[in-house]
Protein backbone atom coordinates (compact mmCIF):
# COMPACT_ATOMS: atom_id res chain seq x y z
CA MET A 1 12.86 0.48 -8.21
CA LEU A 2 9.88 1.73 -6.05
CA SER A 3 9.13 5.47 -6.59
CA THR A 4 9.51 7.49 -3.60
CA THR A 5 7.67 10.65 -4.79
CA SER A 6 4.57 9.18 -6.58
CA ALA A 7 1.89 9.40 -3.50
CA THR A 8 -1.80 10.30 -3.52
CA SER A 9 -2.63 12.80 -0.67
CA PHE A 10 -5.39 14.76 0.42
CA PRO A 11 -6.65 16.84 3.44
CA PRO A 12 -8.02 14.50 5.93
CA VAL A 13 -11.65 14.03 6.76
CA GLY A 14 -12.05 16.43 9.62
CA TYR A 15 -14.75 14.33 11.84
CA LEU A 16 -12.48 11.33 11.28
CA LEU A 17 -9.44 12.50 12.25
CA ASP A 18 -11.12 14.00 15.56
CA GLY A 19 -12.77 10.75 15.87
CA ALA A 20 -9.60 8.83 15.85
CA ARG A 21 -8.05 11.21 18.48
CA ARG A 22 -10.63 10.51 20.54
CA TYR A 23 -10.44 6.87 20.32
CA SER A 24 -6.98 6.19 20.18
CA PHE A 25 -4.25 4.93 22.63
CA SER A 26 -2.28 7.86 23.87
CA ALA A 27 0.40 7.20 21.36
CA SER A 28 -1.81 8.48 18.77
CA ASN A 29 -1.03 12.08 19.33
CA ALA A 30 2.97 11.37 18.90
CA ILE A 31 2.76 11.86 15.31
CA ALA A 32 1.84 15.33 13.69
CA PRO A 33 -1.35 14.84 11.45
CA GLU A 34 0.90 16.49 8.46
CA ALA A 35 3.66 14.25 8.52
CA TYR A 36 1.31 11.32 7.25
CA ALA A 37 1.49 13.42 3.76
CA GLN A 38 5.47 12.43 3.93
CA VAL A 39 5.26 8.67 5.03
CA ARG A 40 6.95 6.51 1.95
CA LEU A 41 7.28 2.62 1.86
CA ASP A 42 10.90 1.54 2.23
CA PRO A 43 11.44 -0.66 -0.65
CA VAL A 44 14.02 -2.84 1.52
CA LEU A 45 11.78 -2.88 4.56
CA GLY A 46 8.73 -3.37 2.01
CA ALA A 47 10.24 -6.50 0.44
CA ALA A 48 11.17 -8.23 3.87
CA ILE A 49 7.71 -8.08 5.02
CA ALA A 50 6.46 -9.18 1.82
CA ASP A 51 8.79 -12.54 1.80
CA ALA A 52 7.97 -12.99 5.71
CA TYR A 53 4.16 -13.11 4.64
CA ILE A 54 4.46 -15.25 1.31
CA THR A 55 6.62 -17.92 3.39
CA ALA A 56 4.26 -17.67 6.25
CA PRO A 57 1.50 -20.73 6.57
CA VAL A 58 -1.99 -20.04 6.02
CA ARG A 59 -2.75 -20.01 9.61
CA ASP A 60 -0.69 -20.59 13.04
CA GLU A 61 -2.48 -20.90 16.12
CA ARG A 62 0.21 -18.74 17.81
CA ALA A 63 -1.60 -15.96 16.27
CA TYR A 64 -5.02 -16.53 17.35
CA ALA A 65 -4.69 -14.50 20.80
CA ALA A 66 -3.70 -11.39 18.67
CA TYR A 67 -6.29 -12.28 16.33
CA ALA A 68 -8.99 -12.22 18.99
CA ALA A 69 -7.74 -9.17 20.23
CA PHE A 70 -7.88 -7.65 16.73
CA CYS A 71 -11.48 -8.79 16.38
CA ARG A 72 -12.79 -7.18 19.59
CA GLU A 73 -10.76 -3.81 19.01
CA THR A 74 -12.18 -3.74 15.26
CA VAL A 75 -16.11 -4.50 16.37
CA ARG A 76 -15.46 -1.47 19.09
CA GLN A 77 -14.09 0.69 16.39
CA TYR A 78 -16.91 -0.09 13.95
CA HIS A 79 -19.51 0.65 16.57
CA PHE A 80 -18.09 4.14 17.19
CA LEU A 81 -17.66 4.51 13.44
CA VAL A 82 -21.56 3.92 12.73
CA GLY A 83 -23.03 5.04 15.94
CA ARG A 84 -25.47 7.94 16.25
CA VAL A 85 -23.43 11.27 16.84
CA GLU A 86 -25.97 12.39 19.58
CA PHE A 87 -24.56 9.09 21.48
CA GLY A 88 -20.96 9.90 20.96
CA GLY A 89 -20.58 8.29 17.85
CA LEU A 90 -19.28 9.32 14.29
CA GLY A 91 -22.57 8.62 12.31
CA LEU A 92 -21.19 6.95 9.20
CA ALA A 93 -23.23 4.90 7.15
CA VAL A 94 -21.66 1.85 5.90
CA ARG A 95 -23.31 -0.42 3.15
CA ILE A 96 -21.72 -3.79 2.00
CA VAL A 97 -21.78 -3.86 -2.02
CA ASP A 98 -21.02 -6.97 -4.19
CA GLU A 99 -18.65 -5.09 -6.26
CA ASP A 100 -15.77 -2.70 -5.76
CA PRO A 101 -17.53 0.46 -5.35
CA TYR A 102 -14.97 3.01 -6.08
CA ALA A 103 -12.85 3.82 -9.05
CA ASN A 104 -10.27 5.62 -6.85
CA VAL A 105 -9.78 7.30 -3.61
CA GLU A 106 -11.05 10.56 -4.45
CA SER A 107 -14.61 9.27 -5.12
CA MET A 108 -14.50 7.18 -1.70
CA VAL A 109 -13.39 10.51 0.06
CA ASP A 110 -16.24 12.51 -1.41
CA ASP A 111 -18.63 9.60 0.01
CA VAL A 112 -17.21 9.70 3.58
CA ARG A 113 -17.39 13.29 3.72
CA GLN A 114 -21.14 13.09 3.37
CA ARG A 115 -20.93 10.29 6.40
CA ARG A 116 -21.62 7.27 3.59
CA LEU A 117 -19.19 4.45 3.04
CA LYS A 118 -19.57 1.69 0.71
CA VAL A 119 -17.41 -1.63 1.41
CA TRP A 120 -16.97 -4.49 -1.02
CA ALA A 121 -18.30 -7.53 0.42
CA SER A 122 -15.46 -10.08 1.93
CA GLU A 123 -17.93 -12.92 0.71
CA ALA A 124 -17.57 -11.63 -2.95
CA SER A 125 -13.73 -11.33 -3.06
CA GLY A 126 -13.15 -15.29 -3.26
CA ASN A 127 -10.46 -15.10 -1.01
CA PRO A 128 -11.71 -16.19 2.23
CA HIS A 129 -10.21 -15.41 5.55
CA PRO A 130 -8.80 -18.35 7.92
CA TYR A 131 -9.78 -16.53 10.98
CA LEU A 132 -12.07 -13.71 10.51
CA SER A 133 -15.90 -14.26 9.45
CA ASP A 134 -17.17 -12.01 6.48
CA GLY A 135 -18.95 -9.97 8.83
CA GLU A 136 -15.73 -9.24 10.98
CA ASN A 137 -13.77 -8.74 7.67
CA ASP A 138 -16.33 -6.30 6.21
CA MET A 139 -16.20 -4.39 9.62
CA PHE A 140 -12.57 -4.16 9.27
CA ARG A 141 -12.44 -2.84 5.68
CA ALA A 142 -14.70 -0.03 6.88
CA VAL A 143 -12.83 0.90 10.00
CA HIS A 144 -9.65 0.88 8.08
CA ASP A 145 -10.80 2.80 5.00
CA ALA A 146 -12.43 5.30 7.37
CA PHE A 147 -9.49 5.38 9.98
CA GLY A 148 -6.54 4.59 8.01
CA HIS A 149 -6.95 6.35 4.87
CA ALA A 150 -9.61 9.08 5.39
CA ALA A 151 -8.30 10.07 8.82
CA SER A 152 -4.69 10.16 7.42
CA GLY A 153 -5.23 11.99 3.89
CA ARG A 154 -3.44 8.98 2.09
CA GLY A 155 -4.84 7.00 -0.66
CA PHE A 156 -4.36 3.34 -2.20
CA ASP A 157 -1.17 3.75 -3.52
CA ARG A 158 1.90 1.87 -1.96
CA HIS A 159 2.93 4.97 0.25
CA GLY A 160 -0.75 5.68 1.14
CA GLU A 161 -1.00 2.04 2.25
CA GLU A 162 1.88 2.29 4.70
CA ALA A 163 0.47 5.79 6.05
CA ALA A 164 -2.85 4.04 6.54
CA TRP A 165 -1.31 1.03 8.29
CA LEU A 166 0.70 3.44 10.61
CA LYS A 167 -2.46 5.96 11.65
CA HIS A 168 -4.51 3.02 11.96
CA SER A 169 -2.20 0.85 14.03
CA LEU A 170 -2.16 3.60 16.81
CA MET A 171 -5.80 3.00 17.36
CA TYR A 172 -4.77 -0.69 18.10
CA SER A 173 -3.48 -2.35 21.25
CA PRO A 174 0.18 -3.54 20.71
CA LEU A 175 -1.15 -7.25 21.07
CA ALA A 176 -3.72 -6.67 18.49
CA ARG A 177 -1.39 -4.36 16.25
CA ARG A 178 0.41 -7.87 15.22
CA ALA A 179 -3.04 -9.11 13.23
CA LEU A 180 -3.52 -5.74 12.01
CA THR A 181 0.27 -5.89 10.39
CA THR A 182 -0.34 -9.04 8.88
CA GLU A 183 -3.81 -7.96 7.26
CA THR A 184 -2.58 -4.82 6.15
CA ARG A 185 1.07 -3.93 5.81
CA GLY A 186 1.87 -7.64 5.24
CA GLN A 187 -0.63 -8.27 2.75
CA ASN A 188 -0.17 -4.98 0.71
CA CYS A 189 3.70 -5.59 0.63
CA ALA A 190 3.17 -8.85 -0.65
CA ARG A 191 0.63 -7.56 -3.33
CA ILE A 192 3.27 -4.96 -4.45
CA PHE A 193 6.37 -7.27 -4.35
CA HIS A 194 5.05 -10.84 -5.12
CA CYS A 195 1.64 -10.41 -7.18
CA GLU A 196 0.89 -9.40 -10.83
CA VAL A 197 -1.18 -6.19 -11.23
CA GLY A 198 -4.32 -6.43 -10.10
CA GLY A 199 -3.84 -9.84 -7.96
CA PHE A 200 -3.86 -10.35 -4.11
CA PRO A 201 -2.15 -12.64 -1.85
CA GLU A 202 -4.06 -15.27 0.16
CA GLN A 203 -5.40 -14.21 3.50
CA LYS A 204 -3.62 -15.63 6.43
CA ALA A 205 -3.69 -15.68 10.37
CA VAL A 206 -0.48 -15.44 11.16
CA LEU A 207 2.23 -13.45 12.91
CA LEU A 208 4.89 -11.53 11.08
CA PRO A 209 8.32 -10.74 13.05
CA TRP A 210 7.72 -8.27 15.45
CA SER A 211 9.66 -5.33 14.45
CA PHE A 212 7.31 -5.18 11.45
CA SER A 213 4.49 -4.09 13.86
CA ASP A 214 6.66 -1.17 15.18
CA PRO A 215 5.51 2.09 14.09
CA ARG A 216 9.01 3.54 14.47
CA SER A 217 10.08 1.46 11.40
CA VAL A 218 8.09 3.69 9.10
CA ARG A 219 9.71 6.02 6.61
CA ILE A 220 8.75 9.57 7.26
CA GLU A 221 10.57 11.92 4.84
CA GLY A 222 11.57 15.51 5.25
CA ALA A 223 10.45 15.91 8.67
CA ASP A 224 11.82 15.51 12.30
CA VAL A 225 8.65 13.70 13.74
CA ARG A 226 8.29 12.60 17.36
CA ARG A 227 7.71 8.84 17.12
CA ALA A 228 5.04 6.79 18.80
CA PRO A 229 6.11 4.18 21.21
CA CYS A 230 5.71 0.73 21.06
């Protein structure tokens, strides 16, 4: 049975939280920042998401429009993230490295608070993406660590990944969010429910059922939280 209490949280990184608000669609203001600490992965929903990911094909051309939108929006987010502060960017220096750079989320957050971030190169993972180039995948890893994890104040445990998906999903259009859901919520649930410890599922370019991309499906404990529209 999945734990509902073991969850890493920390104060969100201020300039990234502010940047996410500045960038996001209006729905981003529908969930209070403190609510992200209460996000938990629902085990029944998580298992259903995992099953849908595992049984999906590696690629489906019906997903390509969503992935094209996802790529465009990810590139824009990346340039906002690394852009110079005097020109309206957030000034985060991103470096792509050949090995996993962080032993835990605390070490990543320490770096990010100093406006620097290391990203494990997609090329080195041995798990190529069927749609994204390595460069596009690297940009996505950077923006997801920044806007998903550091801006929500949540780590890399199962509940933190759910919170990071919710936070980051509000920076994407509904179409692009479908691809984001496959890339994060789908892969993470598949890893949790179907992979051995340390394993990671094959990357795919598919669309999961629409309901899995709905922010209202997220479980938030102990709070009466306004929900984001679809």
